[in-house]
Amino acid sequence: MQMNNIWVDGTYWAYRMNSRYLQERQYYEDTYDRQTVEEARRCMDRYKKACTEFEKKLPKNDNINRTGNAILLNILYMQVVGNELLYRYENRDSNIAKRIEIDRAKDKRLSDSRLTDEPYCQHCSKQGLRIIDKMLLYKDKYDPNMPEEVLFMLRCPHCKKRSAFWEDGNEWKSSPTLCPKCQTEMDYKTSETKKVLIFTYTCPSCSHSYEDKTTKAHNKEKTDPNYNKDRAHFCLLDNEFRNRLVKSRHNIEEMAKVGKEYIEKEAEKPIYDAIQKMKRPKIAELAILLSPELEKAGFIEFRLDKPEVGKDVIIGFSCLDNKSERNDYDSERILKKTIKKVLSDTNWRLMSDGIHYRLGYLSGRIRAYEREEELKDLVRKTK
């Protein structure tokens, strides 16, 4: 890793010459496709297990390949495998772009980070440390809701030991290694060969000492003989297979839509039945319907105005109160009650602006409800 270190105007800078996180696009494409194959294989295992359980529960004279069973298995396949494959295929470019932007932002964060104070060596307390690395880590413990912090790794030119400081200047402190005999914090030094890292721990109190050896990792990936075939299949490189999945998804969505509508209609069957039974008198029939009942209640000369026909049909009406002993409040109340009762089993209703009274002359408006949703609301309110 190439680093340039310099102390300028009280600030210790480190310029990274190579990117740590950002890779070539091919790396992200290969990683995404490998994840797709791994996830698809897990989904296929669940699907095959479900098919086995399904087949066990079939009657003896039934067959898993029967048309009805095949349709159920196709729906199961789409739910367990197919929809996931389509999602990953359709979102491949956007997900890769997001991953690239995340890594680019991490590199920028590292590049822009700096120590604002010249640190002291954690071992010999001298200055002049040189940055040898920077990395992003979680400061306390892993928490995906918290951002990673920049940790600076520095080497002391005097004692040759390493120190670590967070971007805010706080020292990085590792959990101490305690002596198994006297529980004193042990000193340690490191050495290495081509294949092994050696950590030598020595107790400053009782001189107990031991070595801890770690074999260096050699990232040799195991050969996956089926990967290329599975990648072509599960990453939907085959147009025919991809189109078949798209068609299956569309058909299942349509089936679900029809089923939802059927369930909703079944749940609202009493409402639809009430709508079917509802009387829907024409405008010419309203006066014939209302006049007899209004006369019984003491109202005469009932008339309808010219209809207002637009989005809704609204008709004004007027009549005279034939009972001189009745006050205006009672006149309005009784007329309103009578009209509501007569229209209760029809698609007509008295409008909310109510009844107007002046010297025994009463007027108001009624409205027709025609659209399905309006009729459903009308039934709900009536019930």
Protein backbone atom coordinates (compact mmCIF):
# COMPACT_ATOMS: atom_id res chain seq x y z
CA MET A 1 0.00 0.00 0.00
CA GLN A 2 1.56 3.30 -1.06
CA MET A 3 1.27 6.17 1.42
CA ASN A 4 2.67 9.71 1.52
CA ASN A 5 2.80 11.28 5.01
CA ILE A 6 3.41 14.94 5.79
CA TRP A 7 2.93 17.38 8.68
CA VAL A 8 1.54 20.71 7.41
CA ASP A 9 0.19 23.68 9.38
CA GLY A 10 -0.35 21.63 12.52
CA THR A 11 -2.19 18.86 10.67
CA TYR A 12 -0.91 15.36 10.09
CA TRP A 13 -2.02 14.22 6.61
CA ALA A 14 -1.90 10.86 4.91
CA TYR A 15 -2.46 10.59 1.16
CA ARG A 16 -3.48 7.15 -0.04
CA MET A 17 -2.14 6.29 -3.47
CA ASN A 18 -4.38 3.27 -4.06
CA SER A 19 -8.11 2.73 -3.42
CA ARG A 20 -8.95 0.33 -0.61
CA TYR A 21 -12.65 -0.27 -1.19
CA LEU A 22 -13.48 0.76 -4.77
CA GLN A 23 -12.89 -2.00 -7.33
CA GLU A 24 -13.32 -2.44 -11.06
CA ARG A 25 -16.97 -2.84 -12.10
CA GLN A 26 -16.37 -6.46 -13.11
CA TYR A 27 -15.65 -7.26 -9.47
CA TYR A 28 -19.10 -6.00 -8.42
CA GLU A 29 -20.84 -7.81 -11.26
CA ASP A 30 -19.12 -11.08 -10.39
CA THR A 31 -19.90 -10.64 -6.69
CA TYR A 32 -23.55 -9.85 -7.38
CA ASP A 33 -23.97 -12.83 -9.70
CA ARG A 34 -22.29 -15.16 -7.21
CA GLN A 35 -24.65 -13.95 -4.48
CA THR A 36 -27.59 -14.50 -6.84
CA VAL A 37 -26.51 -18.09 -7.51
CA GLU A 38 -25.97 -18.82 -3.81
CA GLU A 39 -29.37 -17.40 -2.85
CA ALA A 40 -31.08 -19.22 -5.73
CA ARG A 41 -29.57 -22.53 -4.66
CA ARG A 42 -30.89 -22.02 -1.13
CA CYS A 43 -34.34 -21.14 -2.54
CA MET A 44 -34.29 -24.24 -4.74
CA ASP A 45 -33.51 -26.42 -1.73
CA ARG A 46 -36.56 -25.00 0.05
CA TYR A 47 -38.70 -25.48 -3.06
CA LYS A 48 -37.64 -29.11 -3.52
CA LYS A 49 -38.32 -29.83 0.15
CA ALA A 50 -41.79 -28.25 -0.15
CA CYS A 51 -42.51 -30.34 -3.29
CA THR A 52 -41.54 -33.51 -1.44
CA GLU A 53 -43.84 -32.67 1.47
CA PHE A 54 -46.64 -31.79 -0.95
CA GLU A 55 -46.30 -35.09 -2.82
CA LYS A 56 -46.41 -37.06 0.44
CA LYS A 57 -49.79 -35.53 1.31
CA LEU A 58 -51.43 -36.36 -2.03
CA PRO A 59 -54.07 -39.12 -2.10
CA LYS A 60 -52.89 -42.47 -3.48
CA ASN A 61 -54.81 -42.02 -6.74
CA ASP A 62 -53.50 -38.49 -7.29
CA ASN A 63 -50.40 -37.45 -9.23
CA ILE A 64 -48.10 -34.50 -8.67
CA ASN A 65 -48.05 -33.81 -12.43
CA ARG A 66 -51.85 -33.44 -12.64
CA THR A 67 -52.82 -30.05 -14.12
CA GLY A 68 -54.26 -28.68 -10.89
CA ASN A 69 -51.22 -29.77 -8.86
CA ALA A 70 -48.83 -28.44 -11.54
CA ILE A 71 -50.48 -25.01 -11.30
CA LEU A 72 -50.07 -25.03 -7.50
CA LEU A 73 -46.41 -26.03 -7.82
CA ASN A 74 -45.81 -23.28 -10.37
CA ILE A 75 -47.27 -20.73 -7.94
CA LEU A 76 -45.08 -22.19 -5.18
CA TYR A 77 -42.00 -22.00 -7.42
CA MET A 78 -42.65 -18.34 -8.20
CA GLN A 79 -43.16 -17.51 -4.53
CA VAL A 80 -40.04 -19.33 -3.35
CA VAL A 81 -37.65 -18.95 -6.32
CA GLY A 82 -38.96 -17.13 -9.40
CA ASN A 83 -39.90 -13.77 -7.90
CA GLU A 84 -36.51 -13.51 -6.20
CA LEU A 85 -34.69 -14.26 -9.47
CA LEU A 86 -36.72 -11.61 -11.32
CA TYR A 87 -36.14 -9.06 -8.55
CA ARG A 88 -32.37 -9.56 -8.60
CA TYR A 89 -32.28 -9.48 -12.43
CA GLU A 90 -34.38 -6.31 -12.69
CA ASN A 91 -32.46 -4.52 -9.93
CA ARG A 92 -28.98 -5.75 -10.86
CA ASP A 93 -27.64 -2.50 -12.33
CA SER A 94 -29.10 -0.25 -9.63
CA ASN A 95 -27.82 -2.48 -6.79
CA ILE A 96 -24.35 -2.64 -8.31
CA ALA A 97 -24.35 1.14 -8.73
CA LYS A 98 -25.29 1.57 -5.06
CA ARG A 99 -22.48 -0.76 -3.96
CA ILE A 100 -19.97 1.17 -6.09
CA GLU A 101 -21.11 4.49 -4.62
CA ILE A 102 -20.81 3.11 -1.08
CA ASP A 103 -17.24 1.96 -1.70
CA ARG A 104 -16.35 5.22 -3.46
CA ALA A 105 -17.69 7.16 -0.46
CA LYS A 106 -15.64 4.98 1.91
CA ASP A 107 -12.45 5.67 -0.05
CA LYS A 108 -13.21 9.39 -0.04
CA ARG A 109 -13.84 9.26 3.69
CA LEU A 110 -10.44 7.65 4.22
CA SER A 111 -8.74 10.04 1.82
CA ASP A 112 -10.25 13.12 3.48
CA SER A 113 -9.65 11.98 7.07
CA ARG A 114 -6.85 13.51 9.13
CA LEU A 115 -5.43 13.80 12.62
CA THR A 116 -5.64 17.41 13.78
CA ASP A 117 -3.03 16.94 16.54
CA GLU A 118 0.34 15.26 16.28
CA PRO A 119 -0.01 12.09 18.37
CA TYR A 120 2.41 10.64 20.91
CA CYS A 121 3.60 7.06 20.66
CA GLN A 122 1.54 4.82 22.95
CA HIS A 123 4.72 2.94 23.92
CA CYS A 124 7.62 5.44 24.21
CA SER A 125 5.63 8.72 24.31
CA LYS A 126 7.72 10.28 21.52
CA GLN A 127 6.39 12.12 18.48
CA GLY A 128 7.19 11.87 14.79
CA LEU A 129 4.93 8.87 14.09
CA ARG A 130 4.27 7.94 10.50
CA ILE A 131 0.90 6.77 9.18
CA ILE A 132 1.12 3.29 7.71
CA ASP A 133 -2.58 2.59 7.23
CA LYS A 134 -6.14 3.85 7.72
CA MET A 135 -9.27 1.77 7.98
CA LEU A 136 -12.98 2.09 8.72
CA LEU A 137 -14.18 0.27 11.82
CA TYR A 138 -17.06 0.39 14.28
CA LYS A 139 -15.74 2.20 17.33
CA ASP A 140 -17.48 0.28 20.08
CA LYS A 141 -19.35 -2.67 18.65
CA TYR A 142 -21.03 -3.50 15.36
CA ASP A 143 -24.15 -1.40 14.88
CA PRO A 144 -25.48 -1.03 11.30
CA ASN A 145 -27.35 2.11 12.37
CA MET A 146 -24.13 3.86 13.39
CA PRO A 147 -21.41 5.06 10.96
CA GLU A 148 -17.98 3.50 10.86
CA GLU A 149 -15.10 5.57 12.24
CA VAL A 150 -11.62 6.08 10.76
CA LEU A 151 -8.82 4.35 12.65
CA PHE A 152 -5.23 5.48 11.95
CA MET A 153 -2.39 2.95 12.24
CA LEU A 154 0.97 4.60 12.91
CA ARG A 155 4.55 3.37 13.38
CA CYS A 156 7.02 5.02 15.73
CA PRO A 157 10.47 5.61 14.13
CA HIS A 158 12.07 5.49 17.59
CA CYS A 159 10.77 2.28 19.20
CA LYS A 160 9.48 0.75 15.95
CA LYS A 161 6.18 -0.12 17.62
CA ARG A 162 2.74 0.58 16.29
CA SER A 163 0.05 2.81 17.74
CA ALA A 164 -3.57 3.35 16.74
CA PHE A 165 -5.71 6.47 17.05
CA TRP A 166 -9.28 7.24 16.08
CA GLU A 167 -9.98 10.23 13.88
CA ASP A 168 -11.17 12.23 16.93
CA GLY A 169 -7.74 11.78 18.56
CA ASN A 170 -8.71 9.08 21.09
CA GLU A 171 -6.39 6.12 21.44
CA TRP A 172 -7.53 2.76 20.22
CA LYS A 173 -7.45 0.32 23.10
CA SER A 174 -7.57 -3.40 22.61
CA SER A 175 -8.72 -5.85 25.22
CA PRO A 176 -5.60 -6.70 27.26
CA THR A 177 -4.11 -10.20 27.22
CA LEU A 178 -3.81 -11.32 30.82
CA CYS A 179 -1.25 -13.73 32.18
CA PRO A 180 -2.95 -17.08 32.88
CA LYS A 181 -0.86 -17.44 36.09
CA CYS A 182 -0.99 -14.03 37.80
CA GLN A 183 -3.56 -12.07 35.69
CA THR A 184 -1.06 -9.29 34.89
CA GLU A 185 -1.36 -7.63 31.49
CA MET A 186 1.19 -9.27 29.22
CA ASP A 187 3.62 -7.62 26.83
CA TYR A 188 3.88 -9.00 23.33
CA LYS A 189 5.93 -8.77 20.18
CA THR A 190 5.28 -10.04 16.69
CA SER A 191 7.36 -11.77 14.06
CA GLU A 192 6.48 -13.54 10.87
CA THR A 193 7.59 -16.00 8.25
CA LYS A 194 6.19 -16.53 4.78
CA LYS A 195 3.42 -18.75 6.11
CA VAL A 196 3.02 -17.92 9.82
CA LEU A 197 2.44 -14.90 12.08
CA ILE A 198 4.00 -15.39 15.54
CA PHE A 199 2.81 -13.49 18.63
CA THR A 200 5.13 -13.87 21.64
CA TYR A 201 3.53 -12.95 24.97
CA THR A 202 5.64 -12.29 28.09
CA CYS A 203 4.39 -11.48 31.58
CA PRO A 204 6.35 -8.56 33.15
CA SER A 205 5.45 -9.80 36.61
CA CYS A 206 6.12 -13.55 36.72
CA SER A 207 8.01 -13.88 33.39
CA HIS A 208 5.58 -16.48 32.12
CA SER A 209 5.82 -16.64 28.31
CA TYR A 210 4.15 -18.38 25.41
CA GLU A 211 3.74 -18.11 21.62
CA ASP A 212 0.58 -17.94 19.53
CA LYS A 213 1.00 -18.86 15.88
CA THR A 214 -1.47 -18.01 13.13
CA THR A 215 -1.21 -19.43 9.65
CA LYS A 216 -1.53 -16.83 6.94
CA ALA A 217 -4.65 -17.21 4.84
CA HIS A 218 -4.25 -18.29 1.26
CA ASN A 219 -7.38 -17.30 -0.61
CA LYS A 220 -7.64 -20.17 -3.04
CA GLU A 221 -11.26 -20.51 -4.01
CA LYS A 222 -12.59 -24.02 -4.41
CA THR A 223 -13.66 -24.91 -7.92
CA ASP A 224 -17.44 -24.89 -8.39
CA PRO A 225 -18.08 -27.16 -11.39
CA ASN A 226 -21.75 -26.13 -11.67
CA TYR A 227 -21.30 -22.40 -11.22
CA ASN A 228 -21.24 -21.32 -14.88
CA LYS A 229 -24.32 -23.39 -15.71
CA ASP A 230 -26.18 -22.14 -12.61
CA ARG A 231 -25.15 -18.56 -13.28
CA ALA A 232 -26.60 -18.67 -16.81
CA HIS A 233 -29.82 -20.14 -15.41
CA PHE A 234 -30.35 -18.22 -12.16
CA CYS A 235 -29.07 -14.86 -13.45
CA LEU A 236 -31.66 -15.20 -16.23
CA LEU A 237 -29.25 -14.98 -19.15
CA ASP A 238 -31.61 -17.32 -21.04
CA ASN A 239 -34.25 -15.05 -22.64
CA GLU A 240 -36.80 -17.85 -23.00
CA PHE A 241 -36.61 -18.84 -19.32
CA ARG A 242 -36.69 -15.18 -18.22
CA ASN A 243 -39.78 -14.44 -20.34
CA ARG A 244 -41.49 -17.53 -18.95
CA LEU A 245 -40.93 -16.26 -15.40
CA VAL A 246 -42.24 -12.80 -16.33
CA LYS A 247 -45.37 -14.37 -17.83
CA SER A 248 -45.89 -16.58 -14.77
CA ARG A 249 -45.55 -13.59 -12.45
CA HIS A 250 -48.09 -11.63 -14.50
CA ASN A 251 -50.56 -14.52 -14.52
CA ILE A 252 -50.27 -15.04 -10.77
CA GLU A 253 -50.74 -11.32 -10.13
CA GLU A 254 -53.88 -11.36 -12.27
CA MET A 255 -55.17 -14.43 -10.43
CA ALA A 256 -54.51 -12.71 -7.12
CA LYS A 257 -56.31 -9.59 -8.32
CA VAL A 258 -59.37 -11.58 -9.41
CA GLY A 259 -59.32 -13.53 -6.16
CA LYS A 260 -59.10 -10.36 -4.11
CA GLU A 261 -62.03 -8.83 -5.98
CA TYR A 262 -64.05 -12.02 -5.46
CA ILE A 263 -63.31 -12.07 -1.72
CA GLU A 264 -64.21 -8.40 -1.40
CA LYS A 265 -67.48 -8.93 -3.26
CA GLU A 266 -68.32 -11.95 -1.12
CA ALA A 267 -67.62 -9.92 2.02
CA GLU A 268 -69.84 -7.14 0.70
CA LYS A 269 -72.55 -9.39 -0.68
CA PRO A 270 -75.17 -8.06 1.79
CA ILE A 271 -74.39 -4.54 0.57
CA TYR A 272 -74.72 -5.52 -3.10
CA ASP A 273 -77.96 -7.34 -2.31
CA ALA A 274 -79.28 -4.18 -0.65
CA ILE A 275 -78.28 -2.13 -3.70
CA GLN A 276 -80.17 -4.54 -5.96
CA LYS A 277 -83.30 -4.16 -3.83
CA MET A 278 -83.01 -0.38 -3.65
CA LYS A 279 -85.77 1.54 -5.45
CA ARG A 280 -84.53 4.02 -8.04
CA PRO A 281 -87.48 6.26 -8.92
CA LYS A 282 -87.24 8.52 -11.93
CA ILE A 283 -87.64 12.28 -11.51
CA ALA A 284 -91.26 12.16 -12.73
CA GLU A 285 -92.06 9.56 -10.06
CA LEU A 286 -90.71 11.59 -7.12
CA ALA A 287 -93.74 13.89 -6.81
CA ILE A 288 -96.10 10.88 -7.00
CA LEU A 289 -94.02 9.18 -4.27
CA LEU A 290 -93.72 12.17 -1.92
CA SER A 291 -96.96 14.13 -2.29
CA PRO A 292 -99.37 11.64 -0.56
CA GLU A 293 -97.16 11.23 2.50
CA LEU A 294 -96.52 14.98 2.79
CA GLU A 295 -100.25 15.74 2.62
CA LYS A 296 -100.82 13.28 5.47
CA ALA A 297 -98.24 15.25 7.47
CA GLY A 298 -100.01 18.58 6.71
CA PHE A 299 -97.98 19.87 3.74
CA ILE A 300 -99.70 20.86 0.47
CA GLU A 301 -98.82 22.05 -3.04
CA PHE A 302 -95.60 20.01 -3.22
CA ARG A 303 -93.60 20.98 -6.34
CA LEU A 304 -90.26 20.04 -7.87
CA ASP A 305 -87.95 22.60 -9.52
CA LYS A 306 -86.08 22.07 -12.78
CA PRO A 307 -83.31 19.46 -12.18
CA GLU A 308 -79.64 20.50 -12.00
CA VAL A 309 -77.91 17.85 -14.10
CA GLY A 310 -74.13 17.69 -13.85
CA LYS A 311 -71.86 15.25 -12.06
CA ASP A 312 -74.85 14.71 -9.74
CA VAL A 313 -78.59 15.16 -10.26
CA ILE A 314 -80.01 17.69 -7.77
CA ILE A 315 -83.61 18.86 -7.60
CA GLY A 316 -85.05 21.67 -5.52
CA PHE A 317 -88.54 21.33 -4.04
CA SER A 318 -91.09 23.49 -2.20
CA CYS A 319 -94.40 23.10 -0.34
CA LEU A 320 -96.74 24.95 2.03
CA ASP A 321 -97.49 24.16 5.66
CA ASN A 322 -101.26 23.64 5.95
CA LYS A 323 -101.27 23.67 9.78
CA SER A 324 -101.38 27.25 11.08
CA GLU A 325 -100.88 26.20 14.72
CA ARG A 326 -97.44 24.68 13.93
CA ASN A 327 -94.35 26.84 14.55
CA ASP A 328 -91.44 27.07 12.14
CA TYR A 329 -89.18 24.66 14.09
CA ASP A 330 -91.79 21.90 14.19
CA SER A 331 -92.70 22.50 10.56
CA GLU A 332 -89.07 22.06 9.41
CA ARG A 333 -88.51 19.02 11.65
CA ILE A 334 -91.65 17.16 10.55
CA LEU A 335 -91.07 17.87 6.84
CA LYS A 336 -87.49 16.68 7.09
CA LYS A 337 -88.49 13.52 8.94
CA THR A 338 -91.26 12.72 6.45
CA ILE A 339 -89.05 13.13 3.38
CA LYS A 340 -86.26 11.02 4.90
CA LYS A 341 -88.71 8.23 5.69
CA VAL A 342 -90.23 8.19 2.20
CA LEU A 343 -86.80 8.20 0.48
CA SER A 344 -85.10 5.75 2.90
CA ASP A 345 -85.40 2.74 0.55
CA THR A 346 -84.52 4.70 -2.60
CA ASN A 347 -81.34 6.16 -4.07
CA TRP A 348 -82.52 9.71 -3.32
CA ARG A 349 -81.59 11.67 -0.21
CA LEU A 350 -82.33 15.05 1.35
CA MET A 351 -79.26 17.24 0.99
CA SER A 352 -77.30 18.41 4.01
CA ASP A 353 -78.21 22.09 3.61
CA GLY A 354 -81.57 21.10 5.16
CA ILE A 355 -85.03 22.72 5.03
CA HIS A 356 -85.65 26.47 4.73
CA TYR A 357 -88.79 28.04 6.24
CA ARG A 358 -90.39 31.42 5.60
CA LEU A 359 -94.01 32.26 6.59
CA GLY A 360 -95.20 28.70 6.03
CA TYR A 361 -93.30 28.30 2.75
CA LEU A 362 -90.73 25.49 2.95
CA SER A 363 -88.00 24.57 0.48
CA GLY A 364 -85.01 22.30 0.17
CA ARG A 365 -83.09 20.04 -2.20
CA ILE A 366 -82.77 16.30 -2.82
CA ARG A 367 -80.01 14.46 -4.65
CA ALA A 368 -79.77 11.16 -6.56
CA TYR A 369 -76.96 8.66 -5.85
CA GLU A 370 -76.00 6.69 -8.96
CA ARG A 371 -72.34 5.56 -8.84
CA GLU A 372 -71.53 2.18 -7.29
CA GLU A 373 -69.25 3.51 -4.51
CA GLU A 374 -71.83 6.15 -3.60
CA LEU A 375 -74.58 3.53 -3.41
CA LYS A 376 -72.39 1.31 -1.22
CA ASP A 377 -71.72 4.21 1.16
CA LEU A 378 -75.43 4.99 1.17
CA VAL A 379 -76.29 1.42 2.18
CA ARG A 380 -73.61 1.39 4.89
CA LYS A 381 -74.94 4.61 6.39
CA THR A 382 -78.54 3.39 6.20
CA LYS A 383 -77.67 0.05 7.82
